[in-house]
PDB file of N, CA and C in Angstrom:
ATOM      1  N   MET A   1       1.514  13.104   7.246  1.00  0.00           N
ATOM      2  CA  MET A   1       0.687  12.438   6.253  1.00  0.00           C
ATOM      3  C   MET A   1       1.555  11.498   5.377  1.00  0.00           C
ATOM      4  N   ILE A   2       0.997  10.349   5.106  1.00  0.00           N
ATOM      5  CA  ILE A   2       1.621   9.429   4.151  1.00  0.00           C
ATOM      6  C   ILE A   2       0.676   9.342   2.995  1.00  0.00           C
ATOM      7  N   ARG A   3       1.207   9.536   1.813  1.00  0.00           N
ATOM      8  CA  ARG A   3       0.406   9.447   0.593  1.00  0.00           C
ATOM      9  C   ARG A   3       0.462   8.019   0.125  1.00  0.00           C
ATOM     10  N   VAL A   4      -0.698   7.377  -0.016  1.00  0.00           N
ATOM     11  CA  VAL A   4      -0.809   5.978  -0.414  1.00  0.00           C
ATOM     12  C   VAL A   4      -1.462   5.925  -1.837  1.00  0.00           C
ATOM     13  N   LEU A   5      -0.764   5.223  -2.724  1.00  0.00           N
ATOM     14  CA  LEU A   5      -1.217   5.054  -4.075  1.00  0.00           C
ATOM     15  C   LEU A   5      -1.519   3.616  -4.347  1.00  0.00           C
ATOM     16  N   PHE A   6      -2.623   3.354  -5.067  1.00  0.00           N
ATOM     17  CA  PHE A   6      -2.962   2.000  -5.489  1.00  0.00           C
ATOM     18  C   PHE A   6      -2.931   2.022  -6.981  1.00  0.00           C
ATOM     19  N   LEU A   7      -2.123   1.142  -7.593  1.00  0.00           N
ATOM     20  CA  LEU A   7      -1.889   1.183  -9.002  1.00  0.00           C
ATOM     21  C   LEU A   7      -2.472  -0.047  -9.738  1.00  0.00           C
ATOM     22  N   ALA A   8      -2.658   0.146 -11.045  1.00  0.00           N
ATOM     23  CA  ALA A   8      -3.081  -0.909 -11.956  1.00  0.00           C
ATOM     24  C   ALA A   8      -4.390  -1.580 -11.521  1.00  0.00           C
ATOM     25  N   GLN A   9      -4.456  -2.899 -11.599  1.00  0.00           N
ATOM     26  CA  GLN A   9      -5.651  -3.639 -11.264  1.00  0.00           C
ATOM     27  C   GLN A   9      -6.058  -3.431  -9.813  1.00  0.00           C
ATOM     28  N   LEU A  10      -5.101  -3.252  -8.917  1.00  0.00           N
ATOM     29  CA  LEU A  10      -5.394  -3.023  -7.503  1.00  0.00           C
ATOM     30  C   LEU A  10      -6.270  -1.806  -7.302  1.00  0.00           C
ATOM     31  N   ARG A  11      -6.018  -0.761  -8.042  1.00  0.00           N
ATOM     32  CA  ARG A  11      -6.820   0.462  -8.007  1.00  0.00           C
ATOM     33  C   ARG A  11      -8.255   0.163  -8.334  1.00  0.00           C
ATOM     34  N   GLU A  12      -8.501  -0.667  -9.354  1.00  0.00           N
ATOM     35  CA  GLU A  12      -9.824  -1.014  -9.765  1.00  0.00           C
ATOM     36  C   GLU A  12     -10.510  -1.900  -8.713  1.00  0.00           C
ATOM     37  N   GLN A  13      -9.760  -2.836  -8.153  1.00  0.00           N
ATOM     38  CA  GLN A  13     -10.334  -3.745  -7.134  1.00  0.00           C
ATOM     39  C   GLN A  13     -10.764  -2.992  -5.873  1.00  0.00           C
ATOM     40  N   LEU A  14      -9.975  -2.021  -5.398  1.00  0.00           N
ATOM     41  CA  LEU A  14     -10.292  -1.296  -4.229  1.00  0.00           C
ATOM     42  C   LEU A  14     -11.239  -0.134  -4.441  1.00  0.00           C
ATOM     43  N   GLY A  15     -11.303   0.314  -5.689  1.00  0.00           N
ATOM     44  CA  GLY A  15     -12.182   1.437  -6.003  1.00  0.00           C
ATOM     45  C   GLY A  15     -11.632   2.769  -5.574  1.00  0.00           C
ATOM     46  N   VAL A  16     -10.326   2.867  -5.387  1.00  0.00           N
ATOM     47  CA  VAL A  16      -9.690   4.127  -4.951  1.00  0.00           C
ATOM     48  C   VAL A  16      -8.253   4.136  -5.556  1.00  0.00           C
ATOM     49  N   ALA A  17      -7.815   5.302  -6.011  1.00  0.00           N
ATOM     50  CA  ALA A  17      -6.480   5.434  -6.563  1.00  0.00           C
ATOM     51  C   ALA A  17      -5.473   5.967  -5.554  1.00  0.00           C
ATOM     52  N   GLU A  18      -5.964   6.765  -4.611  1.00  0.00           N
ATOM     53  CA  GLU A  18      -5.013   7.449  -3.695  1.00  0.00           C
ATOM     54  C   GLU A  18      -5.733   7.824  -2.442  1.00  0.00           C
ATOM     55  N   LEU A  19      -5.006   7.848  -1.321  1.00  0.00           N
ATOM     56  CA  LEU A  19      -5.525   8.354  -0.042  1.00  0.00           C
ATOM     57  C   LEU A  19      -4.378   8.823   0.810  1.00  0.00           C
ATOM     58  N   GLN A  20      -4.757   9.554   1.835  1.00  0.00           N
ATOM     59  CA  GLN A  20      -3.756  10.102   2.778  1.00  0.00           C
ATOM     60  C   GLN A  20      -3.990   9.412   4.131  1.00  0.00           C
ATOM     61  N   VAL A  21      -2.903   9.009   4.776  1.00  0.00           N
ATOM     62  CA  VAL A  21      -2.968   8.318   6.077  1.00  0.00           C
ATOM     63  C   VAL A  21      -2.209   9.130   7.091  1.00  0.00           C
ATOM     64  N   THR A  22      -2.840   9.333   8.246  1.00  0.00           N
ATOM     65  CA  THR A  22      -2.175  10.126   9.283  1.00  0.00           C
ATOM     66  C   THR A  22      -1.937   9.300  10.578  1.00  0.00           C
ATOM     67  N   ALA A  23      -2.261   8.027  10.554  1.00  0.00           N
ATOM     68  CA  ALA A  23      -2.138   7.181  11.720  1.00  0.00           C
ATOM     69  C   ALA A  23      -0.737   7.164  12.308  1.00  0.00           C
ATOM     70  N   GLU A  24      -0.617   7.469  13.559  1.00  0.00           N
ATOM     71  CA  GLU A  24       0.667   7.547  14.224  1.00  0.00           C
ATOM     72  C   GLU A  24       1.307   6.157  14.344  1.00  0.00           C
ATOM     73  N   SER A  25       0.533   5.070  14.344  1.00  0.00           N
ATOM     74  CA  SER A  25       1.042   3.741  14.536  1.00  0.00           C
ATOM     75  C   SER A  25       1.568   3.158  13.241  1.00  0.00           C
ATOM     76  N   VAL A  26       1.498   3.906  12.146  1.00  0.00           N
ATOM     77  CA  VAL A  26       1.977   3.412  10.856  1.00  0.00           C
ATOM     78  C   VAL A  26       3.455   3.758  10.748  1.00  0.00           C
ATOM     79  N   VAL A  27       4.311   2.719  10.847  1.00  0.00           N
ATOM     80  CA  VAL A  27       5.741   2.920  10.827  1.00  0.00           C
ATOM     81  C   VAL A  27       6.432   2.062   9.796  1.00  0.00           C
ATOM     82  N   SER A  28       5.717   1.190   9.119  1.00  0.00           N
ATOM     83  CA  SER A  28       6.269   0.316   8.060  1.00  0.00           C
ATOM     84  C   SER A  28       5.142   0.007   7.113  1.00  0.00           C
ATOM     85  N   ILE A  29       5.505  -0.569   5.974  1.00  0.00           N
ATOM     86  CA  ILE A  29       4.521  -0.987   5.038  1.00  0.00           C
ATOM     87  C   ILE A  29       3.582  -2.000   5.641  1.00  0.00           C
ATOM     88  N   ALA A  30       4.123  -2.922   6.429  1.00  0.00           N
ATOM     89  CA  ALA A  30       3.317  -3.934   7.116  1.00  0.00           C
ATOM     90  C   ALA A  30       2.235  -3.291   8.024  1.00  0.00           C
ATOM     91  N   THR A  31       2.638  -2.322   8.797  1.00  0.00           N
ATOM     92  CA  THR A  31       1.625  -1.688   9.684  1.00  0.00           C
ATOM     93  C   THR A  31       0.659  -0.841   8.869  1.00  0.00           C
ATOM     94  N   LEU A  32       1.123  -0.275   7.762  1.00  0.00           N
ATOM     95  CA  LEU A  32       0.194   0.423   6.869  1.00  0.00           C
ATOM     96  C   LEU A  32      -0.845  -0.533   6.321  1.00  0.00           C
ATOM     97  N   LYS A  33      -0.408  -1.667   5.835  1.00  0.00           N
ATOM     98  CA  LYS A  33      -1.357  -2.692   5.307  1.00  0.00           C
ATOM     99  C   LYS A  33      -2.395  -3.045   6.404  1.00  0.00           C
ATOM    100  N   GLN A  34      -1.883  -3.283   7.628  1.00  0.00           N
ATOM    101  CA  GLN A  34      -2.774  -3.668   8.737  1.00  0.00           C
ATOM    102  C   GLN A  34      -3.789  -2.531   8.976  1.00  0.00           C
ATOM    103  N   TYR A  35      -3.323  -1.303   9.038  1.00  0.00           N
ATOM    104  CA  TYR A  35      -4.212  -0.167   9.211  1.00  0.00           C
ATOM    105  C   TYR A  35      -5.251  -0.091   8.118  1.00  0.00           C
ATOM    106  N   LEU A  36      -4.852  -0.250   6.863  1.00  0.00           N
ATOM    107  CA  LEU A  36      -5.807  -0.159   5.775  1.00  0.00           C
ATOM    108  C   LEU A  36      -6.857  -1.277   5.787  1.00  0.00           C
ATOM    109  N   VAL A  37      -6.426  -2.501   6.172  1.00  0.00           N
ATOM    110  CA  VAL A  37      -7.414  -3.587   6.282  1.00  0.00           C
ATOM    111  C   VAL A  37      -8.347  -3.396   7.457  1.00  0.00           C
ATOM    112  N   THR A  38      -7.828  -2.882   8.559  1.00  0.00           N
ATOM    113  CA  THR A  38      -8.685  -2.632   9.730  1.00  0.00           C
ATOM    114  C   THR A  38      -9.721  -1.543   9.375  1.00  0.00           C
ATOM    115  N   SER A  39      -9.282  -0.501   8.653  1.00  0.00           N
ATOM    116  CA  SER A  39     -10.200   0.565   8.291  1.00  0.00           C
ATOM    117  C   SER A  39     -11.135   0.180   7.125  1.00  0.00           C
ATOM    118  N   ASN A  40     -10.752  -0.800   6.341  1.00  0.00           N
ATOM    119  CA  ASN A  40     -11.525  -1.189   5.145  1.00  0.00           C
ATOM    120  C   ASN A  40     -11.467  -2.741   5.011  1.00  0.00           C
ATOM    121  N   PRO A  41     -12.226  -3.415   5.880  1.00  0.00           N
ATOM    122  CA  PRO A  41     -12.151  -4.909   5.876  1.00  0.00           C
ATOM    123  C   PRO A  41     -12.372  -5.537   4.498  1.00  0.00           C
ATOM    124  N   GLN A  42     -13.140  -4.926   3.664  1.00  0.00           N
ATOM    125  CA  GLN A  42     -13.402  -5.455   2.336  1.00  0.00           C
ATOM    126  C   GLN A  42     -12.168  -5.515   1.467  1.00  0.00           C
ATOM    127  N   TRP A  43     -11.088  -4.833   1.843  1.00  0.00           N
ATOM    128  CA  TRP A  43      -9.804  -4.834   1.089  1.00  0.00           C
ATOM    129  C   TRP A  43      -8.919  -5.993   1.450  1.00  0.00           C
ATOM    130  N   LYS A  44      -9.247  -6.736   2.474  1.00  0.00           N
ATOM    131  CA  LYS A  44      -8.317  -7.747   2.981  1.00  0.00           C
ATOM    132  C   LYS A  44      -7.919  -8.741   1.923  1.00  0.00           C
ATOM    133  N   GLN A  45      -8.817  -9.190   1.131  1.00  0.00           N
ATOM    134  CA  GLN A  45      -8.490 -10.202   0.134  1.00  0.00           C
ATOM    135  C   GLN A  45      -7.493  -9.700  -0.884  1.00  0.00           C
ATOM    136  N   TYR A  46      -7.528  -8.383  -1.185  1.00  0.00           N
ATOM    137  CA  TYR A  46      -6.579  -7.810  -2.158  1.00  0.00           C
ATOM    138  C   TYR A  46      -5.266  -7.444  -1.569  1.00  0.00           C
ATOM    139  N   LEU A  47      -5.278  -6.868  -0.338  1.00  0.00           N
ATOM    140  CA  LEU A  47      -4.031  -6.474   0.277  1.00  0.00           C
ATOM    141  C   LEU A  47      -3.292  -7.583   0.941  1.00  0.00           C
ATOM    142  N   SER A  48      -3.909  -8.761   1.069  1.00  0.00           N
ATOM    143  CA  SER A  48      -3.252  -9.943   1.650  1.00  0.00           C
ATOM    144  C   SER A  48      -2.524 -10.764   0.593  1.00  0.00           C
ATOM    145  N   ASN A  49      -2.591 -10.399  -0.673  1.00  0.00           N
ATOM    146  CA  ASN A  49      -1.954 -11.103  -1.729  1.00  0.00           C
ATOM    147  C   ASN A  49      -0.417 -11.107  -1.470  1.00  0.00           C
ATOM    148  N   SER A  50       0.115 -12.333  -1.374  1.00  0.00           N
ATOM    149  CA  SER A  50       1.553 -12.428  -1.057  1.00  0.00           C
ATOM    150  C   SER A  50       2.450 -11.955  -2.203  1.00  0.00           C
ATOM    151  N   LYS A  51       1.898 -11.796  -3.384  1.00  0.00           N
ATOM    152  CA  LYS A  51       2.662 -11.293  -4.553  1.00  0.00           C
ATOM    153  C   LYS A  51       2.607  -9.779  -4.717  1.00  0.00           C
ATOM    154  N   LEU A  52       1.907  -9.125  -3.846  1.00  0.00           N
ATOM    155  CA  LEU A  52       1.745  -7.687  -3.954  1.00  0.00           C
ATOM    156  C   LEU A  52       3.135  -7.038  -3.817  1.00  0.00           C
ATOM    157  N   LEU A  53       3.363  -5.956  -4.588  1.00  0.00           N
ATOM    158  CA  LEU A  53       4.619  -5.250  -4.590  1.00  0.00           C
ATOM    159  C   LEU A  53       4.389  -3.855  -3.999  1.00  0.00           C
ATOM    160  N   PHE A  54       5.516  -3.248  -3.512  1.00  0.00           N
ATOM    161  CA  PHE A  54       5.486  -1.973  -2.867  1.00  0.00           C
ATOM    162  C   PHE A  54       6.625  -1.107  -3.322  1.00  0.00           C
ATOM    163  N   ALA A  55       6.369   0.227  -3.275  1.00  0.00           N
ATOM    164  CA  ALA A  55       7.451   1.160  -3.503  1.00  0.00           C
ATOM    165  C   ALA A  55       7.261   2.325  -2.501  1.00  0.00           C
ATOM    166  N   VAL A  56       8.376   2.765  -1.995  1.00  0.00           N
ATOM    167  CA  VAL A  56       8.402   3.923  -1.119  1.00  0.00           C
ATOM    168  C   VAL A  56       9.208   5.014  -1.819  1.00  0.00           C
ATOM    169  N   ASN A  57       8.539   6.129  -2.059  1.00  0.00           N
ATOM    170  CA  ASN A  57       9.184   7.251  -2.718  1.00  0.00           C
ATOM    171  C   ASN A  57       9.808   6.812  -4.036  1.00  0.00           C
ATOM    172  N   HIS A  58       9.085   6.025  -4.798  1.00  0.00           N
ATOM    173  CA  HIS A  58       9.477   5.565  -6.148  1.00  0.00           C
ATOM    174  C   HIS A  58      10.558   4.515  -6.182  1.00  0.00           C
ATOM    175  N   GLU A  59      10.834   3.884  -5.054  1.00  0.00           N
ATOM    176  CA  GLU A  59      11.875   2.822  -4.962  1.00  0.00           C
ATOM    177  C   GLU A  59      11.198   1.555  -4.466  1.00  0.00           C
ATOM    178  N   TYR A  60      11.447   0.440  -5.162  1.00  0.00           N
ATOM    179  CA  TYR A  60      10.887  -0.820  -4.671  1.00  0.00           C
ATOM    180  C   TYR A  60      11.249  -1.030  -3.213  1.00  0.00           C
ATOM    181  N   ALA A  61      10.331  -1.605  -2.459  1.00  0.00           N
ATOM    182  CA  ALA A  61      10.540  -1.820  -1.040  1.00  0.00           C
ATOM    183  C   ALA A  61       9.919  -3.127  -0.587  1.00  0.00           C
ATOM    184  N   LYS A  62      10.430  -3.657   0.480  1.00  0.00           N
ATOM    185  CA  LYS A  62       9.873  -4.895   1.109  1.00  0.00           C
ATOM    186  C   LYS A  62       8.844  -4.473   2.108  1.00  0.00           C
ATOM    187  N   VAL A  63       8.016  -5.446   2.517  1.00  0.00           N
ATOM    188  CA  VAL A  63       6.884  -5.161   3.371  1.00  0.00           C
ATOM    189  C   VAL A  63       7.331  -4.631   4.768  1.00  0.00           C
ATOM    190  N   ASP A  64       8.556  -4.942   5.147  1.00  0.00           N
ATOM    191  CA  ASP A  64       9.058  -4.498   6.460  1.00  0.00           C
ATOM    192  C   ASP A  64       9.777  -3.122   6.380  1.00  0.00           C
ATOM    193  N   ALA A  65       9.746  -2.477   5.202  1.00  0.00           N
ATOM    194  CA  ALA A  65      10.416  -1.187   5.019  1.00  0.00           C
ATOM    195  C   ALA A  65       9.778  -0.133   5.906  1.00  0.00           C
ATOM    196  N   ALA A  66      10.581   0.689   6.529  1.00  0.00           N
ATOM    197  CA  ALA A  66      10.109   1.776   7.360  1.00  0.00           C
ATOM    198  C   ALA A  66       9.569   2.887   6.506  1.00  0.00           C
ATOM    199  N   ILE A  67       8.487   3.526   7.025  1.00  0.00           N
ATOM    200  CA  ILE A  67       7.897   4.679   6.379  1.00  0.00           C
ATOM    201  C   ILE A  67       7.612   5.746   7.410  1.00  0.00           C
ATOM    202  N   GLU A  68       7.528   6.973   6.951  1.00  0.00           N
ATOM    203  CA  GLU A  68       7.270   8.099   7.884  1.00  0.00           C
ATOM    204  C   GLU A  68       6.478   9.190   7.169  1.00  0.00           C
ATOM    205  N   ALA A  69       6.044  10.156   7.948  1.00  0.00           N
ATOM    206  CA  ALA A  69       5.270  11.262   7.363  1.00  0.00           C
ATOM    207  C   ALA A  69       6.020  11.888   6.237  1.00  0.00           C
ATOM    208  N   GLY A  70       5.293  12.198   5.156  1.00  0.00           N
ATOM    209  CA  GLY A  70       5.914  12.789   3.963  1.00  0.00           C
ATOM    210  C   GLY A  70       6.230  11.820   2.898  1.00  0.00           C
ATOM    211  N   ASP A  71       6.234  10.486   3.234  1.00  0.00           N
ATOM    212  CA  ASP A  71       6.530   9.469   2.261  1.00  0.00           C
ATOM    213  C   ASP A  71       5.366   9.173   1.356  1.00  0.00           C
ATOM    214  N   GLU A  72       5.654   8.682   0.191  1.00  0.00           N
ATOM    215  CA  GLU A  72       4.687   8.175  -0.775  1.00  0.00           C
ATOM    216  C   GLU A  72       4.843   6.674  -0.873  1.00  0.00           C
ATOM    217  N   VAL A  73       3.775   5.912  -0.622  1.00  0.00           N
ATOM    218  CA  VAL A  73       3.843   4.471  -0.649  1.00  0.00           C
ATOM    219  C   VAL A  73       2.894   3.998  -1.738  1.00  0.00           C
ATOM    220  N   ALA A  74       3.448   3.203  -2.676  1.00  0.00           N
ATOM    221  CA  ALA A  74       2.591   2.636  -3.739  1.00  0.00           C
ATOM    222  C   ALA A  74       2.429   1.155  -3.539  1.00  0.00           C
ATOM    223  N   PHE A  75       1.209   0.673  -3.714  1.00  0.00           N
ATOM    224  CA  PHE A  75       0.871  -0.753  -3.721  1.00  0.00           C
ATOM    225  C   PHE A  75       0.514  -1.117  -5.147  1.00  0.00           C
ATOM    226  N   PHE A  76       1.038  -2.201  -5.653  1.00  0.00           N
ATOM    227  CA  PHE A  76       0.699  -2.638  -7.012  1.00  0.00           C
ATOM    228  C   PHE A  76       0.921  -4.140  -7.213  1.00  0.00           C
ATOM    229  N   PRO A  77       0.148  -4.717  -8.150  1.00  0.00           N
ATOM    230  CA  PRO A  77       0.334  -6.154  -8.422  1.00  0.00           C
ATOM    231  C   PRO A  77       1.577  -6.381  -9.196  1.00  0.00           C
ATOM    232  N   PRO A  78       2.008  -7.640  -9.212  1.00  0.00           N
ATOM    233  CA  PRO A  78       3.238  -7.955 -10.025  1.00  0.00           C
ATOM    234  C   PRO A  78       3.009  -7.575 -11.482  1.00  0.00           C
ATOM    235  N   VAL A  79       4.019  -7.103 -12.125  1.00  0.00           N
ATOM    236  CA  VAL A  79       3.972  -6.695 -13.505  1.00  0.00           C
ATOM    237  C   VAL A  79       4.560  -7.787 -14.351  1.00  0.00           C
ATOM    238  N   THR A  80       3.858  -8.139 -15.399  1.00  0.00           N
ATOM    239  CA  THR A  80       4.425  -9.084 -16.381  1.00  0.00           C
ATOM    240  C   THR A  80       4.565  -8.439 -17.714  1.00  0.00           C
ATOM    241  N   GLY A  81       5.473  -8.927 -18.448  1.00  0.00           N
ATOM    242  CA  GLY A  81       5.713  -8.337 -19.738  1.00  0.00           C
ATOM    243  C   GLY A  81       6.124  -9.440 -20.738  1.00  0.00           C
ATOM    244  N   GLY A  82       6.234  -9.026 -21.951  1.00  0.00           N
ATOM    245  CA  GLY A  82       6.615 -10.088 -22.926  1.00  0.00           C
ATOM    246  C   GLY A  82       7.342  -9.487 -24.079  1.00  0.00           C
TER     247      GLY A  82
END
């Protein structure tokens, strides 16, 4: 199982904060995104955002980062501060 978290505005846009993914074909954040969009086509506009950020086990990661069972993957929009 991969624990997937959606944070901040993305959580509101998708209408879900967290889910569990068991797909065997999910080996990277990119394949996880593809799996999520295939399973939930209405999410495509939000998950296709090129500025979307990712973390694997609380560490920033790039879209090509490898993931495996037991990992926690967070999706979140860019954070701005002042």
